[in-house]
PDB file of all heavy atoms in Angstrom:
ATOM      1  N   ILE A   1       0.052 -10.982  -1.261  1.00  0.00           N
ATOM      2  CA  ILE A   1      -0.851 -10.286  -2.167  1.00  0.00           C
ATOM      3  C   ILE A   1      -0.192  -8.972  -2.583  1.00  0.00           C
ATOM      4  O   ILE A   1       0.517  -8.344  -1.809  1.00  0.00           O
ATOM      5  CB  ILE A   1      -2.198 -10.043  -1.464  1.00  0.00           C
ATOM      6  CG1 ILE A   1      -2.885 -11.383  -1.170  1.00  0.00           C
ATOM      7  CG2 ILE A   1      -3.123  -9.175  -2.308  1.00  0.00           C
ATOM      8  CD1 ILE A   1      -4.060 -11.281  -0.227  1.00  0.00           C
ATOM      9  N   ASP A   2      -0.424  -8.554  -3.822  1.00  0.00           N
ATOM     10  CA  ASP A   2       0.205  -7.346  -4.370  1.00  0.00           C
ATOM     11  C   ASP A   2       0.192  -6.175  -3.398  1.00  0.00           C
ATOM     12  O   ASP A   2       1.224  -5.538  -3.147  1.00  0.00           O
ATOM     13  CB  ASP A   2      -0.512  -6.908  -5.659  1.00  0.00           C
ATOM     14  CG  ASP A   2      -0.193  -7.793  -6.839  1.00  0.00           C
ATOM     15  OD1 ASP A   2       0.836  -8.478  -6.814  1.00  0.00           O
ATOM     16  OD2 ASP A   2      -0.979  -7.794  -7.806  1.00  0.00           O
ATOM     17  N   SER A   3      -0.984  -5.846  -2.888  1.00  0.00           N
ATOM     18  CA  SER A   3      -1.123  -4.661  -2.038  1.00  0.00           C
ATOM     19  C   SER A   3      -0.324  -4.783  -0.749  1.00  0.00           C
ATOM     20  O   SER A   3       0.207  -3.789  -0.235  1.00  0.00           O
ATOM     21  CB  SER A   3      -2.602  -4.399  -1.713  1.00  0.00           C
ATOM     22  OG  SER A   3      -3.198  -5.521  -1.086  1.00  0.00           O
ATOM     23  N   GLN A   4      -0.210  -5.995  -0.209  1.00  0.00           N
ATOM     24  CA  GLN A   4       0.582  -6.192   1.006  1.00  0.00           C
ATOM     25  C   GLN A   4       2.062  -5.967   0.723  1.00  0.00           C
ATOM     26  O   GLN A   4       2.777  -5.381   1.546  1.00  0.00           O
ATOM     27  CB  GLN A   4       0.346  -7.603   1.549  1.00  0.00           C
ATOM     28  CG  GLN A   4      -1.073  -7.836   2.043  1.00  0.00           C
ATOM     29  CD  GLN A   4      -1.335  -9.288   2.396  1.00  0.00           C
ATOM     30  OE1 GLN A   4      -0.727 -10.202   1.838  1.00  0.00           O
ATOM     31  NE2 GLN A   4      -2.266  -9.508   3.308  1.00  0.00           N
ATOM     32  N   ALA A   5       2.519  -6.419  -0.441  1.00  0.00           N
ATOM     33  CA  ALA A   5       3.920  -6.220  -0.811  1.00  0.00           C
ATOM     34  C   ALA A   5       4.223  -4.738  -1.013  1.00  0.00           C
ATOM     35  O   ALA A   5       5.264  -4.233  -0.574  1.00  0.00           O
ATOM     36  CB  ALA A   5       4.245  -7.009  -2.079  1.00  0.00           C
ATOM     37  N   ILE A   6       3.316  -4.024  -1.688  1.00  0.00           N
ATOM     38  CA  ILE A   6       3.524  -2.595  -1.911  1.00  0.00           C
ATOM     39  C   ILE A   6       3.574  -1.848  -0.581  1.00  0.00           C
ATOM     40  O   ILE A   6       4.415  -0.967  -0.381  1.00  0.00           O
ATOM     41  CB  ILE A   6       2.412  -2.025  -2.812  1.00  0.00           C
ATOM     42  CG1 ILE A   6       2.549  -2.590  -4.220  1.00  0.00           C
ATOM     43  CG2 ILE A   6       2.469  -0.498  -2.849  1.00  0.00           C
ATOM     44  CD1 ILE A   6       1.402  -2.229  -5.143  1.00  0.00           C
ATOM     45  N   ALA A   7       2.689  -2.214   0.335  1.00  0.00           N
ATOM     46  CA  ALA A   7       2.684  -1.561   1.654  1.00  0.00           C
ATOM     47  C   ALA A   7       4.017  -1.754   2.363  1.00  0.00           C
ATOM     48  O   ALA A   7       4.528  -0.839   3.020  1.00  0.00           O
ATOM     49  CB  ALA A   7       1.543  -2.109   2.504  1.00  0.00           C
ATOM     50  N   LYS A   8       4.604  -2.947   2.243  1.00  0.00           N
ATOM     51  CA  LYS A   8       5.916  -3.203   2.845  1.00  0.00           C
ATOM     52  C   LYS A   8       6.980  -2.276   2.286  1.00  0.00           C
ATOM     53  O   LYS A   8       7.914  -1.877   2.986  1.00  0.00           O
ATOM     54  CB  LYS A   8       6.344  -4.648   2.609  1.00  0.00           C
ATOM     55  CG  LYS A   8       5.743  -5.671   3.549  1.00  0.00           C
ATOM     56  CD  LYS A   8       6.381  -7.031   3.332  1.00  0.00           C
ATOM     57  CE  LYS A   8       7.854  -7.028   3.720  1.00  0.00           C
ATOM     58  NZ  LYS A   8       8.487  -8.348   3.535  1.00  0.00           N
ATOM     59  N   ALA A   9       6.830  -1.934   1.006  1.00  0.00           N
ATOM     60  CA  ALA A   9       7.835  -1.101   0.351  1.00  0.00           C
ATOM     61  C   ALA A   9       7.673   0.374   0.663  1.00  0.00           C
ATOM     62  O   ALA A   9       8.667   1.080   0.858  1.00  0.00           O
ATOM     63  CB  ALA A   9       7.784  -1.313  -1.162  1.00  0.00           C
ATOM     64  N   VAL A  10       6.440   0.885   0.733  1.00  0.00           N
ATOM     65  CA  VAL A  10       6.243   2.340   0.733  1.00  0.00           C
ATOM     66  C   VAL A  10       5.804   2.941   2.073  1.00  0.00           C
ATOM     67  O   VAL A  10       5.840   4.163   2.221  1.00  0.00           O
ATOM     68  CB  VAL A  10       5.242   2.760  -0.367  1.00  0.00           C
ATOM     69  CG1 VAL A  10       5.677   2.234  -1.722  1.00  0.00           C
ATOM     70  CG2 VAL A  10       3.822   2.317  -0.044  1.00  0.00           C
ATOM     71  N   VAL A  11       5.366   2.105   3.016  1.00  0.00           N
ATOM     72  CA  VAL A  11       5.009   2.624   4.346  1.00  0.00           C
ATOM     73  C   VAL A  11       6.183   2.348   5.278  1.00  0.00           C
ATOM     74  O   VAL A  11       6.575   1.195   5.457  1.00  0.00           O
ATOM     75  CB  VAL A  11       3.720   1.973   4.890  1.00  0.00           C
ATOM     76  CG1 VAL A  11       3.418   2.500   6.299  1.00  0.00           C
ATOM     77  CG2 VAL A  11       2.544   2.261   3.956  1.00  0.00           C
ATOM     78  N   LYS A  12       6.732   3.383   5.848  1.00  0.00           N
ATOM     79  CA  LYS A  12       7.936   3.245   6.658  1.00  0.00           C
ATOM     80  C   LYS A  12       7.703   2.307   7.830  1.00  0.00           C
ATOM     81  O   LYS A  12       6.661   2.358   8.489  1.00  0.00           O
ATOM     82  CB  LYS A  12       8.393   4.619   7.166  1.00  0.00           C
ATOM     83  CG  LYS A  12       9.762   4.602   7.829  1.00  0.00           C
ATOM     84  CD  LYS A  12      10.257   6.000   8.104  1.00  0.00           C
ATOM     85  CE  LYS A  12      11.622   5.978   8.781  1.00  0.00           C
ATOM     86  NZ  LYS A  12      12.664   5.322   7.959  1.00  0.00           N
ATOM     87  N   ASP A  13       8.662   1.431   8.076  1.00  0.00           N
ATOM     88  CA  ASP A  13       8.576   0.506   9.200  1.00  0.00           C
ATOM     89  C   ASP A  13       8.260   1.253  10.489  1.00  0.00           C
ATOM     90  O   ASP A  13       8.900   2.263  10.804  1.00  0.00           O
ATOM     91  CB  ASP A  13       9.903  -0.249   9.375  1.00  0.00           C
ATOM     92  CG  ASP A  13      10.107  -1.313   8.309  1.00  0.00           C
ATOM     93  OD1 ASP A  13       9.123  -1.676   7.635  1.00  0.00           O
ATOM     94  OD2 ASP A  13      11.257  -1.776   8.140  1.00  0.00           O
ATOM     95  N   GLY A  14       7.276   0.757  11.226  1.00  0.00           N
ATOM     96  CA  GLY A  14       6.915   1.368  12.493  1.00  0.00           C
ATOM     97  C   GLY A  14       5.867   2.451  12.395  1.00  0.00           C
ATOM     98  O   GLY A  14       5.340   2.907  13.420  1.00  0.00           O
ATOM     99  N   ASP A  15       5.528   2.880  11.177  1.00  0.00           N
ATOM    100  CA  ASP A  15       4.504   3.922  10.983  1.00  0.00           C
ATOM    101  C   ASP A  15       3.131   3.263  11.023  1.00  0.00           C
ATOM    102  O   ASP A  15       2.750   2.535  10.113  1.00  0.00           O
ATOM    103  CB  ASP A  15       4.731   4.620   9.646  1.00  0.00           C
ATOM    104  CG  ASP A  15       3.769   5.782   9.413  1.00  0.00           C
ATOM    105  OD1 ASP A  15       2.785   5.907  10.151  1.00  0.00           O
ATOM    106  OD2 ASP A  15       4.023   6.564   8.471  1.00  0.00           O
ATOM    107  N   ALA A  16       2.383   3.534  12.088  1.00  0.00           N
ATOM    108  CA  ALA A  16       1.066   2.915  12.261  1.00  0.00           C
ATOM    109  C   ALA A  16      -0.049   3.753  11.650  1.00  0.00           C
ATOM    110  O   ALA A  16      -1.226   3.447  11.814  1.00  0.00           O
ATOM    111  CB  ALA A  16       0.791   2.692  13.749  1.00  0.00           C
ATOM    112  N   GLY A  17       0.307   4.819  10.925  1.00  0.00           N
ATOM    113  CA  GLY A  17      -0.691   5.698  10.320  1.00  0.00           C
ATOM    114  C   GLY A  17      -1.495   5.013   9.233  1.00  0.00           C
ATOM    115  O   GLY A  17      -1.211   3.888   8.821  1.00  0.00           O
ATOM    116  N   THR A  18      -2.520   5.726   8.762  1.00  0.00           N
ATOM    117  CA  THR A  18      -3.438   5.186   7.766  1.00  0.00           C
ATOM    118  C   THR A  18      -3.205   5.870   6.421  1.00  0.00           C
ATOM    119  O   THR A  18      -3.231   7.100   6.330  1.00  0.00           O
ATOM    120  CB  THR A  18      -4.895   5.382   8.209  1.00  0.00           C
ATOM    121  OG1 THR A  18      -5.090   4.712   9.473  1.00  0.00           O
ATOM    122  CG2 THR A  18      -5.863   4.804   7.198  1.00  0.00           C
ATOM    123  N   TYR A  19      -2.980   5.063   5.385  1.00  0.00           N
ATOM    124  CA  TYR A  19      -2.675   5.564   4.047  1.00  0.00           C
ATOM    125  C   TYR A  19      -3.555   4.878   3.014  1.00  0.00           C
ATOM    126  O   TYR A  19      -3.873   3.690   3.144  1.00  0.00           O
ATOM    127  CB  TYR A  19      -1.208   5.300   3.693  1.00  0.00           C
ATOM    128  CG  TYR A  19      -0.220   5.976   4.619  1.00  0.00           C
ATOM    129  CD1 TYR A  19       0.232   5.324   5.764  1.00  0.00           C
ATOM    130  CD2 TYR A  19       0.244   7.257   4.349  1.00  0.00           C
ATOM    131  CE1 TYR A  19       1.130   5.937   6.627  1.00  0.00           C
ATOM    132  CE2 TYR A  19       1.149   7.882   5.193  1.00  0.00           C
ATOM    133  CZ  TYR A  19       1.588   7.217   6.333  1.00  0.00           C
ATOM    134  OH  TYR A  19       2.473   7.834   7.184  1.00  0.00           O
ATOM    135  N   LEU A  20      -3.922   5.621   1.981  1.00  0.00           N
ATOM    136  CA  LEU A  20      -4.571   5.029   0.812  1.00  0.00           C
ATOM    137  C   LEU A  20      -3.508   4.957  -0.286  1.00  0.00           C
ATOM    138  O   LEU A  20      -2.968   5.977  -0.713  1.00  0.00           O
ATOM    139  CB  LEU A  20      -5.749   5.881   0.348  1.00  0.00           C
ATOM    140  CG  LEU A  20      -6.377   5.518  -1.009  1.00  0.00           C
ATOM    141  CD1 LEU A  20      -6.806   4.058  -1.057  1.00  0.00           C
ATOM    142  CD2 LEU A  20      -7.552   6.441  -1.324  1.00  0.00           C
ATOM    143  N   ILE A  21      -3.180   3.745  -0.714  1.00  0.00           N
ATOM    144  CA  ILE A  21      -2.180   3.540  -1.754  1.00  0.00           C
ATOM    145  C   ILE A  21      -2.896   3.295  -3.080  1.00  0.00           C
ATOM    146  O   ILE A  21      -3.784   2.450  -3.174  1.00  0.00           O
ATOM    147  CB  ILE A  21      -1.260   2.352  -1.421  1.00  0.00           C
ATOM    148  CG1 ILE A  21      -0.516   2.615  -0.101  1.00  0.00           C
ATOM    149  CG2 ILE A  21      -0.262   2.109  -2.550  1.00  0.00           C
ATOM    150  CD1 ILE A  21       0.315   1.442   0.381  1.00  0.00           C
ATOM    151  N   VAL A  22      -2.512   4.054  -4.096  1.00  0.00           N
ATOM    152  CA  VAL A  22      -3.092   3.931  -5.432  1.00  0.00           C
ATOM    153  C   VAL A  22      -1.984   3.482  -6.379  1.00  0.00           C
ATOM    154  O   VAL A  22      -1.046   4.226  -6.647  1.00  0.00           O
ATOM    155  CB  VAL A  22      -3.691   5.263  -5.909  1.00  0.00           C
ATOM    156  CG1 VAL A  22      -4.296   5.110  -7.300  1.00  0.00           C
ATOM    157  CG2 VAL A  22      -4.748   5.760  -4.917  1.00  0.00           C
ATOM    158  N   HIS A  23      -2.093   2.258  -6.868  1.00  0.00           N
ATOM    159  CA  HIS A  23      -1.047   1.657  -7.711  1.00  0.00           C
ATOM    160  C   HIS A  23      -1.547   1.543  -9.140  1.00  0.00           C
ATOM    161  O   HIS A  23      -2.423   0.720  -9.451  1.00  0.00           O
ATOM    162  CB  HIS A  23      -0.689   0.267  -7.170  1.00  0.00           C
ATOM    163  CG  HIS A  23       0.270  -0.475  -8.047  1.00  0.00           C
ATOM    164  ND1 HIS A  23       0.200  -1.841  -8.232  1.00  0.00           N
ATOM    165  CD2 HIS A  23       1.312  -0.052  -8.810  1.00  0.00           C
ATOM    166  CE1 HIS A  23       1.160  -2.219  -9.064  1.00  0.00           C
ATOM    167  NE2 HIS A  23       1.846  -1.153  -9.429  1.00  0.00           N
ATOM    168  N   ILE A  24      -1.013   2.378 -10.035  1.00  0.00           N
ATOM    169  CA  ILE A  24      -1.404   2.360 -11.442  1.00  0.00           C
ATOM    170  C   ILE A  24      -0.450   1.455 -12.206  1.00  0.00           C
ATOM    171  O   ILE A  24       0.698   1.822 -12.478  1.00  0.00           O
ATOM    172  CB  ILE A  24      -1.403   3.778 -12.044  1.00  0.00           C
ATOM    173  CG1 ILE A  24      -2.334   4.690 -11.246  1.00  0.00           C
ATOM    174  CG2 ILE A  24      -1.842   3.735 -13.512  1.00  0.00           C
ATOM    175  CD1 ILE A  24      -2.293   6.136 -11.681  1.00  0.00           C
ATOM    176  N   ASP A  25      -0.909   0.269 -12.550  1.00  0.00           N
ATOM    177  CA  ASP A  25      -0.102  -0.670 -13.330  1.00  0.00           C
ATOM    178  C   ASP A  25      -0.509  -0.541 -14.793  1.00  0.00           C
ATOM    179  O   ASP A  25      -1.294   0.333 -15.157  1.00  0.00           O
ATOM    180  CB  ASP A  25      -0.300  -2.085 -12.803  1.00  0.00           C
ATOM    181  CG  ASP A  25       0.905  -2.982 -13.063  1.00  0.00           C
ATOM    182  OD1 ASP A  25       1.769  -2.602 -13.882  1.00  0.00           O
ATOM    183  OD2 ASP A  25       0.996  -4.061 -12.455  1.00  0.00           O
ATOM    184  N   TYR A  26      -0.002  -1.420 -15.642  1.00  0.00           N
ATOM    185  CA  TYR A  26      -0.264  -1.291 -17.071  1.00  0.00           C
ATOM    186  C   TYR A  26      -1.749  -1.447 -17.413  1.00  0.00           C
ATOM    187  O   TYR A  26      -2.300  -0.660 -18.177  1.00  0.00           O
ATOM    188  CB  TYR A  26       0.543  -2.330 -17.851  1.00  0.00           C
ATOM    189  CG  TYR A  26       2.030  -2.080 -17.850  1.00  0.00           C
ATOM    190  CD1 TYR A  26       2.925  -3.116 -17.601  1.00  0.00           C
ATOM    191  CD2 TYR A  26       2.544  -0.811 -18.104  1.00  0.00           C
ATOM    192  CE1 TYR A  26       4.296  -2.889 -17.604  1.00  0.00           C
ATOM    193  CE2 TYR A  26       3.908  -0.580 -18.093  1.00  0.00           C
ATOM    194  CZ  TYR A  26       4.785  -1.622 -17.846  1.00  0.00           C
ATOM    195  OH  TYR A  26       6.137  -1.395 -17.835  1.00  0.00           O
ATOM    196  N   THR A  27      -2.397  -2.479 -16.875  1.00  0.00           N
ATOM    197  CA  THR A  27      -3.777  -2.772 -17.275  1.00  0.00           C
ATOM    198  C   THR A  27      -4.788  -2.627 -16.149  1.00  0.00           C
ATOM    199  O   THR A  27      -5.974  -2.881 -16.354  1.00  0.00           O
ATOM    200  CB  THR A  27      -3.878  -4.205 -17.830  1.00  0.00           C
ATOM    201  OG1 THR A  27      -3.479  -5.138 -16.808  1.00  0.00           O
ATOM    202  CG2 THR A  27      -2.994  -4.379 -19.053  1.00  0.00           C
ATOM    203  N   ARG A  28      -4.349  -2.226 -14.965  1.00  0.00           N
ATOM    204  CA  ARG A  28      -5.268  -2.120 -13.833  1.00  0.00           C
ATOM    205  C   ARG A  28      -4.719  -1.122 -12.816  1.00  0.00           C
ATOM    206  O   ARG A  28      -3.544  -0.770 -12.837  1.00  0.00           O
ATOM    207  CB  ARG A  28      -5.441  -3.492 -13.172  1.00  0.00           C
ATOM    208  CG  ARG A  28      -4.140  -4.056 -12.611  1.00  0.00           C
ATOM    209  CD  ARG A  28      -4.286  -5.495 -12.173  1.00  0.00           C
ATOM    210  NE  ARG A  28      -3.036  -6.015 -11.622  1.00  0.00           N
ATOM    211  CZ  ARG A  28      -2.837  -7.266 -11.251  1.00  0.00           C
ATOM    212  NH1 ARG A  28      -3.832  -8.131 -11.365  1.00  0.00           N
ATOM    213  NH2 ARG A  28      -1.677  -7.666 -10.768  1.00  0.00           N
ATOM    214  N   THR A  29      -5.623  -0.673 -11.957  1.00  0.00           N
ATOM    215  CA  THR A  29      -5.219   0.183 -10.839  1.00  0.00           C
ATOM    216  C   THR A  29      -5.708  -0.468  -9.555  1.00  0.00           C
ATOM    217  O   THR A  29      -6.892  -0.817  -9.432  1.00  0.00           O
ATOM    218  CB  THR A  29      -5.802   1.591 -10.966  1.00  0.00           C
ATOM    219  OG1 THR A  29      -5.288   2.212 -12.160  1.00  0.00           O
ATOM    220  CG2 THR A  29      -5.415   2.464  -9.781  1.00  0.00           C
ATOM    221  N   GLU A  30      -4.776  -0.653  -8.616  1.00  0.00           N
ATOM    222  CA  GLU A  30      -5.090  -1.296  -7.336  1.00  0.00           C
ATOM    223  C   GLU A  30      -5.138  -0.235  -6.246  1.00  0.00           C
ATOM    224  O   GLU A  30      -4.284   0.649  -6.180  1.00  0.00           O
ATOM    225  CB  GLU A  30      -4.034  -2.350  -7.009  1.00  0.00           C
ATOM    226  CG  GLU A  30      -3.971  -3.467  -8.029  1.00  0.00           C
ATOM    227  CD  GLU A  30      -2.722  -4.326  -7.900  1.00  0.00           C
ATOM    228  OE1 GLU A  30      -1.708  -3.848  -7.339  1.00  0.00           O
ATOM    229  OE2 GLU A  30      -2.756  -5.477  -8.362  1.00  0.00           O
ATOM    230  N   PHE A  31      -6.141  -0.346  -5.387  1.00  0.00           N
ATOM    231  CA  PHE A  31      -6.327   0.585  -4.286  1.00  0.00           C
ATOM    232  C   PHE A  31      -6.265  -0.207  -2.982  1.00  0.00           C
ATOM    233  O   PHE A  31      -6.889  -1.266  -2.866  1.00  0.00           O
ATOM    234  CB  PHE A  31      -7.687   1.281  -4.374  1.00  0.00           C
ATOM    235  CG  PHE A  31      -7.940   1.966  -5.691  1.00  0.00           C
ATOM    236  CD1 PHE A  31      -8.390   1.248  -6.796  1.00  0.00           C
ATOM    237  CD2 PHE A  31      -7.728   3.330  -5.831  1.00  0.00           C
ATOM    238  CE1 PHE A  31      -8.623   1.874  -8.015  1.00  0.00           C
ATOM    239  CE2 PHE A  31      -7.962   3.972  -7.039  1.00  0.00           C
ATOM    240  CZ  PHE A  31      -8.406   3.246  -8.131  1.00  0.00           C
ATOM    241  N   SER A  32      -5.549   0.304  -2.012  1.00  0.00           N
ATOM    242  CA  SER A  32      -5.504  -0.380  -0.722  1.00  0.00           C
ATOM    243  C   SER A  32      -5.374   0.643   0.399  1.00  0.00           C
ATOM    244  O   SER A  32      -4.677   1.652   0.255  1.00  0.00           O
ATOM    245  CB  SER A  32      -4.343  -1.379  -0.657  1.00  0.00           C
ATOM    246  OG  SER A  32      -3.111  -0.733  -0.914  1.00  0.00           O
ATOM    247  N   VAL A  33      -6.075   0.376   1.486  1.00  0.00           N
ATOM    248  CA  VAL A  33      -5.947   1.201   2.683  1.00  0.00           C
ATOM    249  C   VAL A  33      -5.086   0.437   3.671  1.00  0.00           C
ATOM    250  O   VAL A  33      -5.395  -0.704   4.027  1.00  0.00           O
ATOM    251  CB  VAL A  33      -7.309   1.533   3.313  1.00  0.00           C
ATOM    252  CG1 VAL A  33      -7.111   2.376   4.585  1.00  0.00           C
ATOM    253  CG2 VAL A  33      -8.188   2.291   2.321  1.00  0.00           C
ATOM    254  N   VAL A  34      -3.983   1.056   4.071  1.00  0.00           N
ATOM    255  CA  VAL A  34      -3.035   0.451   5.000  1.00  0.00           C
ATOM    256  C   VAL A  34      -3.120   1.200   6.324  1.00  0.00           C
ATOM    257  O   VAL A  34      -3.020   2.431   6.350  1.00  0.00           O
ATOM    258  CB  VAL A  34      -1.595   0.521   4.453  1.00  0.00           C
ATOM    259  CG1 VAL A  34      -0.611  -0.101   5.436  1.00  0.00           C
ATOM    260  CG2 VAL A  34      -1.516  -0.174   3.109  1.00  0.00           C
ATOM    261  N   SER A  35      -3.318   0.469   7.398  1.00  0.00           N
ATOM    262  CA  SER A  35      -3.373   1.068   8.729  1.00  0.00           C
ATOM    263  C   SER A  35      -2.703   0.120   9.704  1.00  0.00           C
ATOM    264  O   SER A  35      -2.885  -1.101   9.612  1.00  0.00           O
ATOM    265  CB  SER A  35      -4.829   1.312   9.146  1.00  0.00           C
ATOM    266  OG  SER A  35      -4.901   2.072  10.337  1.00  0.00           O
ATOM    267  N   GLU A  36      -1.917   0.665  10.604  1.00  0.00           N
ATOM    268  CA  GLU A  36      -1.151  -0.140  11.560  1.00  0.00           C
ATOM    269  C   GLU A  36      -0.263  -1.161  10.836  1.00  0.00           C
ATOM    270  O   GLU A  36      -0.109  -2.289  11.287  1.00  0.00           O
ATOM    271  CB  GLU A  36      -2.085  -0.820  12.557  1.00  0.00           C
ATOM    272  CG  GLU A  36      -2.893   0.181  13.383  1.00  0.00           C
ATOM    273  CD  GLU A  36      -3.711  -0.492  14.460  1.00  0.00           C
ATOM    274  OE1 GLU A  36      -3.121  -1.019  15.408  1.00  0.00           O
ATOM    275  OE2 GLU A  36      -4.959  -0.484  14.324  1.00  0.00           O
ATOM    276  N   GLN A  37       0.261  -0.754   9.676  1.00  0.00           N
ATOM    277  CA  GLN A  37       1.215  -1.542   8.885  1.00  0.00           C
ATOM    278  C   GLN A  37       0.571  -2.691   8.093  1.00  0.00           C
ATOM    279  O   GLN A  37       1.275  -3.444   7.423  1.00  0.00           O
ATOM    280  CB  GLN A  37       2.339  -2.104   9.778  1.00  0.00           C
ATOM    281  CG  GLN A  37       3.188  -1.043  10.466  1.00  0.00           C
ATOM    282  CD  GLN A  37       4.391  -0.634   9.639  1.00  0.00           C
ATOM    283  OE1 GLN A  37       5.276  -1.436   9.359  1.00  0.00           O
ATOM    284  NE2 GLN A  37       4.425   0.627   9.246  1.00  0.00           N
TER     285      GLN A  37
END
C-alpha cells in the first residue's frame, strides 16, 4: 500500500518512534501514522 512504501523510504530503519506522514500528490493527499516501523 502507498503509505507502507513511503514509510519504508522515510522512517529510518530501526526507528520505532511515531510519525505522521503527509504525502501531497498531484490529485490527493495521503496521511498515515507510522509507529514501530
